[in-house]
Structures are given as C-alpha cells and as structure tokens.
Amino acid sequence: MTIQAEKNESALLVFGCPEVPVQAAIGLYLAGRLSEDGYDVLSAGNPSVLGLLRVSDLKKHYIGKTVDLDRCIGEVAEGKRDAALCVVFAHNDAGISYAASMRYLLPGARLVVVVFGRNAGELAAQVDFPCETVVEKAVHNPGKLKKGIDEVFGWRASTS
C-alpha cells in the first residue's frame, strides 16, 4: 500500500529530445513516483517526446499535465509558472543548457539533473551550477538509472 504524502507541491519534469530510449521509461517511472509522493507533476518537452509519453501512458496513470517546452520556459521566465522541484533529463548539450536555464529561472527550486546516454560522464562534467545529479551511461536499460533516482529521492529500491 502506498501512502501519499501531503506535499501539495509542484514538480516540473523537463524532457529533452527523445533520441535515447531510456528517457521515456524513466520519465514515466519518475512521474508516477512523484505523484504518489503528493507532487502535482507537469511534464514539459517537445511534441515528439510528449507524444511518446502520452502514447506510453494510455490511461494517464503517470503523465498527467503536459506543456510544450518553449512555452513552459517562457511562462517560468515571465513568473507565470513555478515549481518546488525541477527534474531535467539531459543526454546532450541542449539538456545541460535547459538545466542551467532552470537553475537560473527557478533559484529556489530543488533541481535534479538526470544525465544519461553514451557520453553521460563527459556531459555531467559540464554541470557547473548548483544541483543534484544522477549520472548513468544508460541508453536502453533503465535499471541503474532508476536505482540512482531512487537514491536521490530517498525511495527504497524496489525489485521491479
């Protein structure tokens, strides 16, 4: 039985290009766990990544509200949107740039940057701003990336 926390806080998940398959699986997992913890989760990304997430979550158990990434950044910059927690998925330079932008635009938010893909170590070296990181050379298999996310969020590792 899952006990839902009474956080009533917002969480913003920022998805990059869906080129690396592991992103969708980890994104669905993270959205579900955060929702269970009481966060109001919003997923931001380009039309391709949002389409993949919506199709993968047919009954909207995990991915609820979505918004175009450029629109979301604009709304955050204008002060129309805020988040207590921001998780940025980064598998290329653009992802690191989005994370740096979120750090600047949401200075009071907890920022977690999930760095993954074939060049995860080199890419993580570009993170030169305050945040928490999960770094894993994951491309197809989400297992180790899930374990790192569980550790950062203090979730007990499950066998699934």
C-alpha atoms as a PDB file:
ATOM      1  CA  MET A   1       0.000   0.000   0.000  1.00  0.00           C
ATOM      2  CA  THR A   2       1.323   3.416  -0.954  1.00  0.00           C
ATOM      3  CA  ILE A   3       0.868   6.284   1.450  1.00  0.00           C
ATOM      4  CA  GLN A   4       0.506   9.574  -0.395  1.00  0.00           C
ATOM      5  CA  ALA A   5       2.294  12.495   1.182  1.00  0.00           C
ATOM      6  CA  GLU A   6       0.589  15.816   1.753  1.00  0.00           C
ATOM      7  CA  LYS A   7       3.137  17.898  -0.146  1.00  0.00           C
ATOM      8  CA  ASN A   8       0.832  19.828  -2.461  1.00  0.00           C
ATOM      9  CA  GLU A   9       3.972  20.998  -4.254  1.00  0.00           C
ATOM     10  CA  SER A  10       4.590  21.252  -7.954  1.00  0.00           C
ATOM     11  CA  ALA A  11       7.173  19.236  -9.828  1.00  0.00           C
ATOM     12  CA  LEU A  12       8.345  20.133 -13.314  1.00  0.00           C
ATOM     13  CA  LEU A  13       9.863  17.390 -15.470  1.00  0.00           C
ATOM     14  CA  VAL A  14      11.856  18.793 -18.395  1.00  0.00           C
ATOM     15  CA  PHE A  15      12.383  16.276 -21.171  1.00  0.00           C
ATOM     16  CA  GLY A  16      14.918  16.625 -23.954  1.00  0.00           C
ATOM     17  CA  CYS A  17      14.864  15.111 -27.417  1.00  0.00           C
ATOM     18  CA  PRO A  18      13.542  11.531 -27.269  1.00  0.00           C
ATOM     19  CA  GLU A  19      16.551  10.140 -29.162  1.00  0.00           C
ATOM     20  CA  VAL A  20      17.682   7.949 -26.234  1.00  0.00           C
ATOM     21  CA  PRO A  21      15.034   5.281 -25.481  1.00  0.00           C
ATOM     22  CA  VAL A  22      15.601   5.111 -21.716  1.00  0.00           C
ATOM     23  CA  GLN A  23      14.244   8.636 -21.198  1.00  0.00           C
ATOM     24  CA  ALA A  24      10.577   7.706 -21.709  1.00  0.00           C
ATOM     25  CA  ALA A  25      10.676   4.757 -19.309  1.00  0.00           C
ATOM     26  CA  ILE A  26      12.466   6.707 -16.577  1.00  0.00           C
ATOM     27  CA  GLY A  27      10.211   9.713 -17.141  1.00  0.00           C
ATOM     28  CA  LEU A  28       7.073   7.609 -16.676  1.00  0.00           C
ATOM     29  CA  TYR A  29       8.572   5.996 -13.579  1.00  0.00           C
ATOM     30  CA  LEU A  30       9.579   9.323 -12.048  1.00  0.00           C
ATOM     31  CA  ALA A  31       6.228  10.988 -12.802  1.00  0.00           C
ATOM     32  CA  GLY A  32       4.427   8.102 -11.133  1.00  0.00           C
ATOM     33  CA  ARG A  33       6.627   8.108  -8.028  1.00  0.00           C
ATOM     34  CA  LEU A  34       6.396  11.878  -7.615  1.00  0.00           C
ATOM     35  CA  SER A  35       2.606  11.764  -7.983  1.00  0.00           C
ATOM     36  CA  GLU A  36       2.466   9.075  -5.293  1.00  0.00           C
ATOM     37  CA  ASP A  37       4.539  11.370  -3.084  1.00  0.00           C
ATOM     38  CA  GLY A  38       1.946  14.127  -3.441  1.00  0.00           C
ATOM     39  CA  TYR A  39       3.524  16.303  -6.113  1.00  0.00           C
ATOM     40  CA  ASP A  40       1.472  17.995  -8.813  1.00  0.00           C
ATOM     41  CA  VAL A  41       3.557  16.876 -11.798  1.00  0.00           C
ATOM     42  CA  LEU A  42       3.863  18.802 -15.064  1.00  0.00           C
ATOM     43  CA  SER A  43       5.858  17.352 -17.962  1.00  0.00           C
ATOM     44  CA  ALA A  44       7.449  19.739 -20.456  1.00  0.00           C
ATOM     45  CA  GLY A  45       9.022  18.731 -23.739  1.00  0.00           C
ATOM     46  CA  ASN A  46       8.876  18.991 -27.487  1.00  0.00           C
ATOM     47  CA  PRO A  47       5.895  17.486 -29.366  1.00  0.00           C
ATOM     48  CA  SER A  48       7.778  14.242 -30.117  1.00  0.00           C
ATOM     49  CA  VAL A  49       8.717  13.415 -26.540  1.00  0.00           C
ATOM     50  CA  LEU A  50       5.297  14.401 -25.206  1.00  0.00           C
ATOM     51  CA  GLY A  51       3.664  12.229 -27.873  1.00  0.00           C
ATOM     52  CA  LEU A  52       5.779   9.237 -26.838  1.00  0.00           C
ATOM     53  CA  LEU A  53       4.906   9.743 -23.195  1.00  0.00           C
ATOM     54  CA  ARG A  54       1.174  10.111 -23.880  1.00  0.00           C
ATOM     55  CA  VAL A  55       1.049   7.014 -26.088  1.00  0.00           C
ATOM     56  CA  SER A  56       3.006   5.015 -23.499  1.00  0.00           C
ATOM     57  CA  ASP A  57       0.607   6.095 -20.744  1.00  0.00           C
ATOM     58  CA  LEU A  58      -2.708   5.477 -22.471  1.00  0.00           C
ATOM     59  CA  LYS A  59      -4.855   5.832 -19.333  1.00  0.00           C
ATOM     60  CA  LYS A  60      -2.842   8.758 -17.943  1.00  0.00           C
ATOM     61  CA  HIS A  61      -1.782   6.953 -14.792  1.00  0.00           C
ATOM     62  CA  TYR A  62       1.630   8.628 -14.783  1.00  0.00           C
ATOM     63  CA  ILE A  63       1.830  11.513 -17.237  1.00  0.00           C
ATOM     64  CA  GLY A  64      -0.885  13.988 -16.415  1.00  0.00           C
ATOM     65  CA  LYS A  65      -0.453  17.581 -17.438  1.00  0.00           C
ATOM     66  CA  THR A  66       1.907  18.381 -20.284  1.00  0.00           C
ATOM     67  CA  VAL A  67       3.152  21.570 -21.874  1.00  0.00           C
ATOM     68  CA  ASP A  68       5.367  22.499 -24.803  1.00  0.00           C
ATOM     69  CA  LEU A  69       8.896  23.103 -23.513  1.00  0.00           C
ATOM     70  CA  ASP A  70       9.386  26.515 -25.144  1.00  0.00           C
ATOM     71  CA  ARG A  71       6.038  27.713 -23.807  1.00  0.00           C
ATOM     72  CA  CYS A  72       6.913  26.406 -20.338  1.00  0.00           C
ATOM     73  CA  ILE A  73      10.277  28.185 -20.283  1.00  0.00           C
ATOM     74  CA  GLY A  74       8.582  31.403 -21.362  1.00  0.00           C
ATOM     75  CA  GLU A  75       5.970  31.103 -18.624  1.00  0.00           C
ATOM     76  CA  VAL A  76       8.627  30.397 -15.989  1.00  0.00           C
ATOM     77  CA  ALA A  77      10.674  33.380 -17.215  1.00  0.00           C
ATOM     78  CA  GLU A  78       7.584  35.620 -17.007  1.00  0.00           C
ATOM     79  CA  GLY A  79       6.788  34.403 -13.487  1.00  0.00           C
ATOM     80  CA  LYS A  80       3.554  32.716 -14.618  1.00  0.00           C
ATOM     81  CA  ARG A  81       4.756  29.233 -13.664  1.00  0.00           C
ATOM     82  CA  ASP A  82       6.802  27.997 -10.709  1.00  0.00           C
ATOM     83  CA  ALA A  83       7.916  24.657  -9.268  1.00  0.00           C
ATOM     84  CA  ALA A  84       9.256  23.435  -5.950  1.00  0.00           C
ATOM     85  CA  LEU A  85      11.078  20.615  -7.741  1.00  0.00           C
ATOM     86  CA  CYS A  86      12.516  20.559 -11.244  1.00  0.00           C
ATOM     87  CA  VAL A  87      13.999  17.457 -12.851  1.00  0.00           C
ATOM     88  CA  VAL A  88      15.802  17.916 -16.159  1.00  0.00           C
ATOM     89  CA  PHE A  89      16.654  14.939 -18.375  1.00  0.00           C
ATOM     90  CA  ALA A  90      19.913  15.541 -20.254  1.00  0.00           C
ATOM     91  CA  HIS A  91      21.612  13.340 -22.819  1.00  0.00           C
ATOM     92  CA  ASN A  92      23.236  16.115 -24.853  1.00  0.00           C
ATOM     93  CA  ASP A  93      24.486  19.710 -24.576  1.00  0.00           C
ATOM     94  CA  ALA A  94      20.973  21.096 -25.043  1.00  0.00           C
ATOM     95  CA  GLY A  95      19.789  19.194 -21.986  1.00  0.00           C
ATOM     96  CA  ILE A  96      22.562  20.733 -19.886  1.00  0.00           C
ATOM     97  CA  SER A  97      21.593  24.171 -21.232  1.00  0.00           C
ATOM     98  CA  TYR A  98      17.962  23.570 -20.228  1.00  0.00           C
ATOM     99  CA  ALA A  99      19.135  22.552 -16.750  1.00  0.00           C
ATOM    100  CA  ALA A 100      21.253  25.707 -16.415  1.00  0.00           C
ATOM    101  CA  SER A 101      18.273  27.792 -17.540  1.00  0.00           C
ATOM    102  CA  MET A 102      16.017  26.135 -14.969  1.00  0.00           C
ATOM    103  CA  ARG A 103      18.594  26.765 -12.230  1.00  0.00           C
ATOM    104  CA  TYR A 104      18.597  30.465 -13.149  1.00  0.00           C
ATOM    105  CA  LEU A 105      14.809  30.741 -13.600  1.00  0.00           C
ATOM    106  CA  LEU A 106      13.861  28.694 -10.523  1.00  0.00           C
ATOM    107  CA  PRO A 107      16.520  29.649  -7.968  1.00  0.00           C
ATOM    108  CA  GLY A 108      14.509  28.380  -5.004  1.00  0.00           C
ATOM    109  CA  ALA A 109      13.605  25.026  -6.514  1.00  0.00           C
ATOM    110  CA  ARG A 110      15.258  21.711  -5.835  1.00  0.00           C
ATOM    111  CA  LEU A 111      16.974  20.918  -9.142  1.00  0.00           C
ATOM    112  CA  VAL A 112      17.872  17.371 -10.111  1.00  0.00           C
ATOM    113  CA  VAL A 113      19.659  16.773 -13.412  1.00  0.00           C
ATOM    114  CA  VAL A 114      19.426  13.241 -14.770  1.00  0.00           C
ATOM    115  CA  VAL A 115      22.380  12.792 -17.140  1.00  0.00           C
ATOM    116  CA  PHE A 116      22.262   9.668 -19.286  1.00  0.00           C
ATOM    117  CA  GLY A 117      23.333   8.266 -22.640  1.00  0.00           C
ATOM    118  CA  ARG A 118      26.578   7.043 -24.141  1.00  0.00           C
ATOM    119  CA  ASN A 119      28.540  10.154 -23.094  1.00  0.00           C
ATOM    120  CA  ALA A 120      26.972  10.654 -19.659  1.00  0.00           C
ATOM    121  CA  GLY A 121      30.270  11.133 -17.802  1.00  0.00           C
ATOM    122  CA  GLU A 122      31.626  13.761 -20.176  1.00  0.00           C
ATOM    123  CA  LEU A 123      28.275  15.520 -20.277  1.00  0.00           C
ATOM    124  CA  ALA A 124      27.963  15.573 -16.486  1.00  0.00           C
ATOM    125  CA  ALA A 125      31.331  17.354 -16.321  1.00  0.00           C
ATOM    126  CA  GLN A 126      29.595  20.354 -17.971  1.00  0.00           C
ATOM    127  CA  VAL A 127      27.242  20.790 -14.998  1.00  0.00           C
ATOM    128  CA  ASP A 128      28.817  23.802 -13.276  1.00  0.00           C
ATOM    129  CA  PHE A 129      25.817  25.087 -11.311  1.00  0.00           C
ATOM    130  CA  PRO A 130      24.256  24.002  -8.011  1.00  0.00           C
ATOM    131  CA  CYS A 131      22.074  20.914  -8.407  1.00  0.00           C
ATOM    132  CA  GLU A 132      21.824  17.241  -7.598  1.00  0.00           C
ATOM    133  CA  THR A 133      22.826  14.835 -10.348  1.00  0.00           C
ATOM    134  CA  VAL A 134      22.124  11.284 -11.341  1.00  0.00           C
ATOM    135  CA  VAL A 135      24.668  10.143 -13.922  1.00  0.00           C
ATOM    136  CA  GLU A 136      24.479   6.826 -15.730  1.00  0.00           C
ATOM    137  CA  LYS A 137      25.641   5.603 -19.120  1.00  0.00           C
ATOM    138  CA  ALA A 138      22.127   4.278 -19.768  1.00  0.00           C
ATOM    139  CA  VAL A 139      20.755   4.094 -23.294  1.00  0.00           C
ATOM    140  CA  HIS A 140      18.278   1.202 -23.361  1.00  0.00           C
ATOM    141  CA  ASN A 141      18.284  -0.382 -19.890  1.00  0.00           C
ATOM    142  CA  PRO A 142      16.803   1.865 -17.173  1.00  0.00           C
ATOM    143  CA  GLY A 143      17.819  -0.316 -14.193  1.00  0.00           C
ATOM    144  CA  LYS A 144      20.886   1.542 -12.934  1.00  0.00           C
ATOM    145  CA  LEU A 145      19.366   4.931 -13.738  1.00  0.00           C
ATOM    146  CA  LYS A 146      16.263   4.006 -11.709  1.00  0.00           C
ATOM    147  CA  LYS A 147      18.487   2.982  -8.800  1.00  0.00           C
ATOM    148  CA  GLY A 148      20.272   6.361  -8.896  1.00  0.00           C
ATOM    149  CA  ILE A 149      16.961   8.236  -8.977  1.00  0.00           C
ATOM    150  CA  ASP A 150      15.655   6.168  -6.061  1.00  0.00           C
ATOM    151  CA  GLU A 151      18.772   7.102  -4.077  1.00  0.00           C
ATOM    152  CA  VAL A 152      18.491  10.843  -4.811  1.00  0.00           C
ATOM    153  CA  PHE A 153      14.820  10.916  -3.806  1.00  0.00           C
ATOM    154  CA  GLY A 154      15.237   8.630  -0.803  1.00  0.00           C
ATOM    155  CA  TRP A 155      12.953   5.921  -2.144  1.00  0.00           C
ATOM    156  CA  ARG A 156      13.627   2.418  -1.043  1.00  0.00           C
ATOM    157  CA  ALA A 157      14.761   0.421  -4.033  1.00  0.00           C
ATOM    158  CA  SER A 158      12.050  -1.893  -5.248  1.00  0.00           C
ATOM    159  CA  THR A 159      12.529  -5.168  -7.073  1.00  0.00           C
ATOM    160  CA  SER A 160      10.521  -4.070 -10.102  1.00  0.00           C
END
